[in-house]
Protein backbone atom coordinates (compact mmCIF):
# COMPACT_ATOMS: atom_id res chain seq x y z
CA UNK A 1 -44.83 7.08 -24.24
CA UNK A 2 -42.85 4.16 -22.88
CA UNK A 3 -41.17 4.51 -19.54
CA UNK A 4 -37.58 5.63 -19.87
CA UNK A 5 -35.15 3.44 -17.99
CA UNK A 6 -32.26 5.37 -16.49
CA UNK A 7 -29.96 2.37 -16.07
CA UNK A 8 -29.49 2.02 -19.83
CA UNK A 9 -26.77 3.64 -21.91
CA UNK A 10 -27.62 6.78 -23.91
CA UNK A 11 -27.32 4.70 -27.08
CA UNK A 12 -29.86 2.17 -25.78
CA UNK A 13 -32.24 4.96 -24.74
CA UNK A 14 -32.07 6.62 -28.18
CA UNK A 15 -32.47 3.25 -29.86
CA UNK A 16 -35.61 2.55 -27.80
CA UNK A 17 -37.08 5.93 -28.73
CA UNK A 18 -36.26 5.38 -32.42
CA UNK A 19 -37.91 1.93 -32.27
CA UNK A 20 -41.08 3.41 -30.80
CA UNK A 21 -41.09 6.33 -33.25
CA UNK A 22 -40.71 4.15 -36.33
CA UNK A 23 -43.47 1.85 -35.09
CA UNK A 24 -45.81 4.82 -34.61
CA UNK A 25 -44.86 6.27 -38.00
CA UNK A 26 -45.07 2.91 -39.74
CA UNK A 27 -41.68 3.84 -41.15
CA UNK A 28 -39.73 0.61 -41.03
CA UNK A 29 -36.01 1.20 -40.89
CA UNK A 30 -33.50 -1.58 -41.36
CA UNK A 31 -30.63 -1.99 -38.90
CA UNK A 32 -28.27 0.18 -40.94
CA UNK A 33 -30.70 3.12 -41.12
CA UNK A 34 -31.74 2.76 -37.50
CA UNK A 35 -28.11 2.71 -36.31
CA UNK A 36 -27.27 5.73 -38.42
CA UNK A 37 -30.26 7.66 -37.07
CA UNK A 38 -29.26 6.89 -33.48
CA UNK A 39 -25.69 7.97 -34.29
CA UNK A 40 -26.93 11.28 -35.76
CA UNK A 41 -29.18 11.98 -32.78
CA UNK A 42 -26.34 11.34 -30.33
CA UNK A 43 -23.80 13.34 -32.33
CA UNK A 44 -26.01 16.39 -32.71
CA UNK A 45 -27.58 16.33 -29.25
CA UNK A 46 -25.86 19.54 -28.18
CA UNK A 47 -25.46 21.11 -31.63
CA UNK A 48 -26.24 24.77 -30.98
CA UNK A 49 -25.30 25.49 -34.62
CA UNK A 50 -28.02 23.26 -36.05
CA UNK A 51 -30.45 26.05 -36.98
CA UNK A 52 -27.83 28.72 -37.60
CA UNK A 53 -26.46 27.35 -40.86
CA UNK A 54 -27.34 28.32 -44.43
CA UNK A 55 -27.59 24.73 -45.60
CA UNK A 56 -27.75 25.41 -49.34
CA UNK A 57 -24.49 27.35 -49.05
CA UNK A 58 -22.96 24.52 -47.01
CA UNK A 59 -24.03 22.08 -49.73
CA UNK A 60 -22.50 24.18 -52.51
CA UNK A 61 -19.32 24.63 -50.49
CA UNK A 62 -19.14 20.86 -49.90
CA UNK A 63 -19.42 20.15 -53.62
CA UNK A 64 -16.29 22.23 -54.18
CA UNK A 65 -14.22 20.22 -51.69
CA UNK A 66 -12.29 17.00 -52.21
CA UNK A 67 -11.73 13.78 -50.35
CA UNK A 68 -12.49 13.47 -46.65
CA UNK A 69 -13.40 17.16 -46.33
CA UNK A 70 -16.06 16.74 -49.02
CA UNK A 71 -17.45 13.61 -47.39
CA UNK A 72 -17.62 15.27 -43.98
CA UNK A 73 -19.26 18.45 -45.33
CA UNK A 74 -21.86 16.54 -47.37
CA UNK A 75 -22.62 14.25 -44.43
CA UNK A 76 -23.03 17.25 -42.11
CA UNK A 77 -25.38 18.94 -44.58
CA UNK A 78 -27.45 15.77 -44.98
CA UNK A 79 -27.54 15.18 -41.22
CA UNK A 80 -28.61 18.74 -40.45
CA UNK A 81 -31.35 18.66 -43.09
CA UNK A 82 -32.53 15.34 -41.66
CA UNK A 83 -32.73 16.68 -38.11
CA UNK A 84 -34.36 19.97 -39.06
CA UNK A 85 -36.94 18.31 -41.34
CA UNK A 86 -37.81 15.68 -38.75
CA UNK A 87 -37.42 17.40 -35.39
CA UNK A 88 -37.82 21.09 -36.21
CA UNK A 89 -39.92 21.36 -39.39
CA UNK A 90 -41.29 24.71 -38.21
CA UNK A 91 -37.84 26.08 -39.09
CA UNK A 92 -38.82 25.82 -42.76
CA UNK A 93 -41.49 28.49 -42.31
CA UNK A 94 -39.11 30.68 -40.31
CA UNK A 95 -36.58 30.44 -43.12
CA UNK A 96 -39.30 31.09 -45.70
CA UNK A 97 -38.81 27.75 -47.45
CA UNK A 98 -40.94 24.62 -47.61
CA UNK A 99 -40.20 21.30 -45.93
CA UNK A 100 -39.44 20.07 -49.45
CA UNK A 101 -36.31 22.26 -49.38
CA UNK A 102 -34.86 20.23 -46.50
CA UNK A 103 -36.09 16.90 -47.90
CA UNK A 104 -34.50 17.48 -51.31
CA UNK A 105 -31.33 19.16 -50.07
CA UNK A 106 -30.62 16.48 -47.46
CA UNK A 107 -31.27 13.66 -49.87
CA UNK A 108 -29.12 15.37 -52.51
CA UNK A 109 -26.23 15.77 -50.05
CA UNK A 110 -26.22 12.05 -49.24
CA UNK A 111 -26.65 11.14 -52.93
CA UNK A 112 -23.72 13.37 -53.94
CA UNK A 113 -21.46 11.53 -51.52
CA UNK A 114 -22.73 8.17 -52.80
CA UNK A 115 -21.59 9.14 -56.30
CA UNK A 116 -17.96 9.50 -55.25
CA UNK A 117 -16.00 6.71 -56.94
CA UNK A 118 -13.69 6.06 -53.98
CA UNK A 119 -16.18 6.50 -51.18
CA UNK A 120 -15.99 3.54 -48.82
CA UNK A 121 -19.43 4.49 -47.54
CA UNK A 122 -21.11 4.96 -50.94
CA UNK A 123 -23.69 2.22 -50.33
CA UNK A 124 -24.67 3.72 -46.96
CA UNK A 125 -25.05 7.22 -48.40
CA UNK A 126 -27.12 5.89 -51.32
CA UNK A 127 -29.34 4.08 -48.83
CA UNK A 128 -29.71 7.27 -46.74
CA UNK A 129 -30.62 9.31 -49.82
CA UNK A 130 -33.26 6.79 -50.90
CA UNK A 131 -34.77 6.43 -47.41
CA UNK A 132 -34.55 10.11 -46.45
CA UNK A 133 -38.33 10.64 -46.20
CA UNK A 134 -38.75 7.51 -44.03
CA UNK A 135 -36.02 8.75 -41.70
CA UNK A 136 -37.74 12.14 -41.47
CA UNK A 137 -41.08 10.45 -40.78
CA UNK A 138 -39.50 8.52 -37.87
CA UNK A 139 -38.02 11.74 -36.48
CA UNK A 140 -41.39 13.52 -36.76
CA UNK A 141 -42.88 10.77 -34.57
CA UNK A 142 -39.91 10.97 -32.20
CA UNK A 143 -40.66 14.66 -31.69
CA UNK A 144 -44.35 13.90 -31.27
CA UNK A 145 -43.47 11.45 -28.47
CA UNK A 146 -42.43 14.44 -26.37
CA UNK A 147 -46.10 15.35 -26.09
CA UNK A 148 -45.31 19.03 -26.57
CA UNK A 149 -45.87 19.15 -30.31
CA UNK A 150 -48.96 18.53 -32.39
CA UNK A 151 -47.16 17.44 -35.56
CA UNK A 152 -46.72 18.67 -39.10
CA UNK A 153 -49.01 21.24 -40.64
CA UNK A 154 -50.97 20.17 -43.72
CA UNK A 155 -48.47 21.59 -46.22
CA UNK A 156 -45.48 19.93 -44.54
CA UNK A 157 -47.36 16.62 -44.28
CA UNK A 158 -48.13 16.83 -48.00
CA UNK A 159 -44.46 17.54 -48.81
CA UNK A 160 -43.36 14.56 -46.76
CA UNK A 161 -45.95 12.36 -48.48
CA UNK A 162 -44.71 13.44 -51.92
CA UNK A 163 -41.11 12.69 -50.92
CA UNK A 164 -42.03 9.08 -50.10
CA UNK A 165 -44.09 7.77 -53.05
CA UNK A 166 -43.99 4.17 -51.79
CA UNK A 167 -45.62 5.23 -48.52
CA UNK A 168 -48.21 7.34 -50.35
CA UNK A 169 -49.07 4.41 -52.62
CA UNK A 170 -49.51 2.16 -49.58
CA UNK A 171 -51.62 4.72 -47.68
CA UNK A 172 -53.77 5.64 -50.69
CA UNK A 173 -53.81 2.60 -53.02
CA UNK A 174 -56.54 3.98 -55.32
CA UNK A 175 -55.22 7.53 -55.53
CA UNK A 176 -53.80 9.08 -58.65
CA UNK A 177 -50.78 11.17 -57.69
CA UNK A 178 -50.25 14.21 -59.87
CA UNK A 179 -47.18 16.40 -59.88
CA UNK A 180 -47.71 20.15 -59.82
CA UNK A 181 -46.36 22.13 -62.77
CA UNK A 182 -42.74 23.17 -62.10
CA UNK A 183 -43.42 26.80 -61.21
CA UNK A 184 -46.09 25.98 -58.61
CA UNK A 185 -44.07 23.90 -56.16
């Protein structure tokens, strides 16, 4: 792990960690995604509620809202799914769901906001939805940088690989990817 410099701002420190994590994960994030990820990490640094929420219920509640309240609720749901999937994937097992649950729910929350006709941030949310698995992969490496965690278990690693087909195609160029029948996922 790189030496942490204490004379930098918190934003610069998070940005340095995100740079190192995405390099280790080979998950290239453009400036927009990287900035958003740093923003989410800073905003949720002391979020004691992060693991206490029923995210599917939050998502359904958000879909019933309008305007700024809808945008905020969908963003919060997407952000929480992103952080749990990337930093605390073991929460999936504790909640008796797969990592795919957080990957799909978080991506769907961002995508739902991108579909709003008057959303000034529609392009950003669309970008977040499309790059969700890459963002999670960077966060997984960020957590691994702590040295206290061994990484994803095989099932979670498989789920993350399926959520990012471009990465899977690059990692396994001669592989034939098959989808499981609907009832077996």
